Amino acid sequence: MVKFNKEGIELIRNKINSEELKNIGRLTPNSFTREIKMEFQKLMKYILNKKGLSTNMEINNFYNDNK
C-alpha cells in the first residue's frame, strides 16, 4: 500500500487540475472543451480511484462519494 503525504496529494491534485495535463490528454484541439457530466478532471479522479469493480458499480460509487 502506498502512503501519500499532504504535499504528494496536493501535487497530484494540482496536476489533475492543470491545463498542461488536459492538453496532453487531448486527441484534437476541441477535446475536453465542452462542459459535460464527466469533464476531464472528474474523469482523471475516476480513473485514479478505480478499485476493480464493474464499471457500473465504479461510476455509482464515484458519484456517491463526490456529492
N, C-alpha and C. Protein backbone atom coordinates (compact mmCIF):
# COMPACT_ATOMS: atom_id res chain seq x y z
N MET A 1 0.83 -1.18 0.00
CA MET A 1 0.00 0.00 0.00
C MET A 1 0.88 1.24 0.00
N VAL A 2 0.62 2.14 -0.89
CA VAL A 2 1.38 3.38 -0.99
C VAL A 2 0.72 4.43 -0.11
N LYS A 3 1.52 5.07 0.71
CA LYS A 3 1.01 6.16 1.55
C LYS A 3 1.52 7.47 1.00
N PHE A 4 0.62 8.43 0.86
CA PHE A 4 0.99 9.74 0.35
C PHE A 4 0.94 10.75 1.48
N ASN A 5 1.87 11.66 1.47
CA ASN A 5 1.81 12.75 2.43
C ASN A 5 0.97 13.88 1.85
N LYS A 6 0.74 14.89 2.64
CA LYS A 6 -0.12 16.00 2.22
C LYS A 6 0.41 16.68 0.96
N GLU A 7 1.74 16.87 0.88
CA GLU A 7 2.34 17.53 -0.28
C GLU A 7 2.16 16.69 -1.55
N GLY A 8 2.29 15.37 -1.43
CA GLY A 8 2.13 14.49 -2.58
C GLY A 8 0.71 14.51 -3.12
N ILE A 9 -0.26 14.51 -2.22
CA ILE A 9 -1.65 14.57 -2.65
C ILE A 9 -1.95 15.91 -3.29
N GLU A 10 -1.42 16.98 -2.72
CA GLU A 10 -1.62 18.31 -3.29
C GLU A 10 -0.99 18.41 -4.67
N LEU A 11 0.18 17.81 -4.87
CA LEU A 11 0.85 17.80 -6.17
C LEU A 11 -0.01 17.08 -7.21
N ILE A 12 -0.57 15.93 -6.84
CA ILE A 12 -1.44 15.17 -7.75
C ILE A 12 -2.68 15.99 -8.08
N ARG A 13 -3.29 16.61 -7.07
CA ARG A 13 -4.49 17.44 -7.29
C ARG A 13 -4.18 18.59 -8.24
N ASN A 14 -3.04 19.24 -8.05
CA ASN A 14 -2.66 20.36 -8.93
C ASN A 14 -2.42 19.89 -10.36
N LYS A 15 -1.79 18.73 -10.52
CA LYS A 15 -1.56 18.19 -11.87
C LYS A 15 -2.87 17.87 -12.57
N ILE A 16 -3.80 17.24 -11.85
CA ILE A 16 -5.09 16.88 -12.44
C ILE A 16 -5.84 18.13 -12.89
N ASN A 17 -5.75 19.20 -12.12
CA ASN A 17 -6.48 20.43 -12.43
C ASN A 17 -5.73 21.36 -13.38
N SER A 18 -4.54 20.97 -13.81
CA SER A 18 -3.75 21.84 -14.67
C SER A 18 -4.18 21.76 -16.14
N GLU A 19 -4.03 22.86 -16.83
CA GLU A 19 -4.30 22.88 -18.27
C GLU A 19 -3.26 22.05 -19.02
N GLU A 20 -2.06 21.96 -18.47
CA GLU A 20 -0.99 21.20 -19.11
C GLU A 20 -1.39 19.73 -19.28
N LEU A 21 -1.93 19.11 -18.24
CA LEU A 21 -2.34 17.72 -18.33
C LEU A 21 -3.52 17.56 -19.28
N LYS A 22 -4.44 18.52 -19.25
CA LYS A 22 -5.58 18.47 -20.17
C LYS A 22 -5.10 18.53 -21.61
N ASN A 23 -4.11 19.38 -21.89
CA ASN A 23 -3.57 19.48 -23.25
C ASN A 23 -2.87 18.20 -23.68
N ILE A 24 -2.19 17.54 -22.76
CA ILE A 24 -1.54 16.26 -23.07
C ILE A 24 -2.59 15.21 -23.43
N GLY A 25 -3.73 15.23 -22.72
CA GLY A 25 -4.78 14.24 -22.93
C GLY A 25 -5.65 14.47 -24.15
N ARG A 26 -5.50 15.60 -24.80
CA ARG A 26 -6.35 15.92 -25.95
C ARG A 26 -5.88 15.18 -27.21
N LEU A 27 -6.83 14.58 -27.90
CA LEU A 27 -6.53 13.98 -29.20
C LEU A 27 -6.63 15.03 -30.30
N THR A 28 -7.55 15.97 -30.12
CA THR A 28 -7.73 17.08 -31.06
C THR A 28 -7.84 18.36 -30.24
N PRO A 29 -7.65 19.51 -30.85
CA PRO A 29 -7.77 20.78 -30.10
C PRO A 29 -9.15 21.00 -29.48
N ASN A 30 -10.17 20.34 -30.00
CA ASN A 30 -11.52 20.52 -29.47
C ASN A 30 -11.87 19.55 -28.35
N SER A 31 -10.99 18.61 -28.03
CA SER A 31 -11.27 17.64 -26.96
C SER A 31 -11.32 18.35 -25.61
N PHE A 32 -12.26 17.92 -24.76
CA PHE A 32 -12.43 18.44 -23.40
C PHE A 32 -12.71 19.93 -23.36
N THR A 33 -13.44 20.45 -24.34
CA THR A 33 -13.76 21.87 -24.33
C THR A 33 -15.18 22.14 -23.85
N ARG A 34 -16.07 21.15 -23.96
CA ARG A 34 -17.45 21.35 -23.51
C ARG A 34 -17.57 20.95 -22.05
N GLU A 35 -18.52 21.57 -21.37
CA GLU A 35 -18.84 21.16 -20.02
C GLU A 35 -19.83 20.00 -20.11
N ILE A 36 -19.41 18.83 -19.72
CA ILE A 36 -20.25 17.63 -19.77
C ILE A 36 -20.33 17.04 -18.38
N LYS A 37 -21.06 15.96 -18.22
CA LYS A 37 -21.24 15.37 -16.90
C LYS A 37 -19.93 14.89 -16.29
N MET A 38 -19.01 14.42 -17.12
CA MET A 38 -17.73 13.97 -16.59
C MET A 38 -16.62 14.70 -17.35
N GLU A 39 -16.32 15.91 -16.89
CA GLU A 39 -15.26 16.66 -17.53
C GLU A 39 -13.91 16.02 -17.21
N PHE A 40 -12.87 16.56 -17.77
CA PHE A 40 -11.54 15.94 -17.71
C PHE A 40 -11.09 15.67 -16.27
N GLN A 41 -11.24 16.64 -15.38
CA GLN A 41 -10.78 16.46 -14.00
C GLN A 41 -11.52 15.32 -13.31
N LYS A 42 -12.84 15.24 -13.51
CA LYS A 42 -13.61 14.14 -12.91
C LYS A 42 -13.20 12.80 -13.51
N LEU A 43 -12.96 12.79 -14.82
CA LEU A 43 -12.52 11.55 -15.47
C LEU A 43 -11.20 11.06 -14.88
N MET A 44 -10.26 11.97 -14.68
CA MET A 44 -8.96 11.59 -14.10
C MET A 44 -9.14 11.08 -12.67
N LYS A 45 -9.96 11.74 -11.88
CA LYS A 45 -10.21 11.29 -10.50
C LYS A 45 -10.89 9.93 -10.49
N TYR A 46 -11.82 9.72 -11.42
CA TYR A 46 -12.50 8.43 -11.53
C TYR A 46 -11.49 7.32 -11.84
N ILE A 47 -10.62 7.56 -12.81
CA ILE A 47 -9.62 6.55 -13.19
C ILE A 47 -8.69 6.23 -12.03
N LEU A 48 -8.24 7.26 -11.32
CA LEU A 48 -7.31 7.05 -10.20
C LEU A 48 -7.97 6.37 -9.01
N ASN A 49 -9.29 6.47 -8.88
CA ASN A 49 -9.98 5.89 -7.73
C ASN A 49 -10.60 4.53 -8.00
N LYS A 50 -10.40 3.97 -9.21
CA LYS A 50 -10.99 2.67 -9.53
C LYS A 50 -10.46 1.60 -8.60
N LYS A 51 -11.35 0.68 -8.22
CA LYS A 51 -10.99 -0.37 -7.28
C LYS A 51 -11.13 -1.77 -7.88
N GLY A 52 -11.45 -1.87 -9.18
CA GLY A 52 -11.55 -3.17 -9.81
C GLY A 52 -12.96 -3.74 -9.84
N LEU A 53 -13.95 -2.92 -9.53
CA LEU A 53 -15.34 -3.36 -9.59
C LEU A 53 -15.85 -3.22 -11.01
N SER A 54 -17.11 -3.56 -11.22
CA SER A 54 -17.70 -3.37 -12.54
C SER A 54 -17.79 -1.87 -12.82
N THR A 55 -17.85 -1.51 -14.09
CA THR A 55 -17.92 -0.10 -14.47
C THR A 55 -19.13 0.57 -13.84
N ASN A 56 -20.27 -0.10 -13.86
CA ASN A 56 -21.48 0.46 -13.27
C ASN A 56 -21.30 0.74 -11.78
N MET A 57 -20.74 -0.21 -11.05
CA MET A 57 -20.52 -0.02 -9.62
C MET A 57 -19.49 1.08 -9.37
N GLU A 58 -18.43 1.13 -10.19
CA GLU A 58 -17.40 2.17 -10.03
C GLU A 58 -18.01 3.56 -10.21
N ILE A 59 -18.83 3.74 -11.25
CA ILE A 59 -19.44 5.05 -11.51
C ILE A 59 -20.40 5.42 -10.39
N ASN A 60 -21.22 4.46 -9.95
CA ASN A 60 -22.13 4.74 -8.83
C ASN A 60 -21.37 5.15 -7.58
N ASN A 61 -20.31 4.42 -7.25
CA ASN A 61 -19.51 4.74 -6.07
C ASN A 61 -18.85 6.11 -6.22
N PHE A 62 -18.34 6.39 -7.40
CA PHE A 62 -17.67 7.67 -7.64
C PHE A 62 -18.62 8.84 -7.41
N TYR A 63 -19.81 8.77 -8.00
CA TYR A 63 -20.76 9.87 -7.83
C TYR A 63 -21.35 9.94 -6.45
N ASN A 64 -21.50 8.81 -5.76
CA ASN A 64 -21.99 8.83 -4.38
C ASN A 64 -20.95 9.44 -3.45
N ASP A 65 -19.67 9.19 -3.70
CA ASP A 65 -18.60 9.72 -2.87
C ASP A 65 -18.31 11.19 -3.14
N ASN A 66 -18.68 11.70 -4.32
CA ASN A 66 -18.34 13.07 -4.71
C ASN A 66 -19.56 13.98 -4.78
N LYS A 67 -20.52 13.79 -3.90
CA LYS A 67 -21.72 14.65 -3.90
C LYS A 67 -21.42 15.95 -3.23
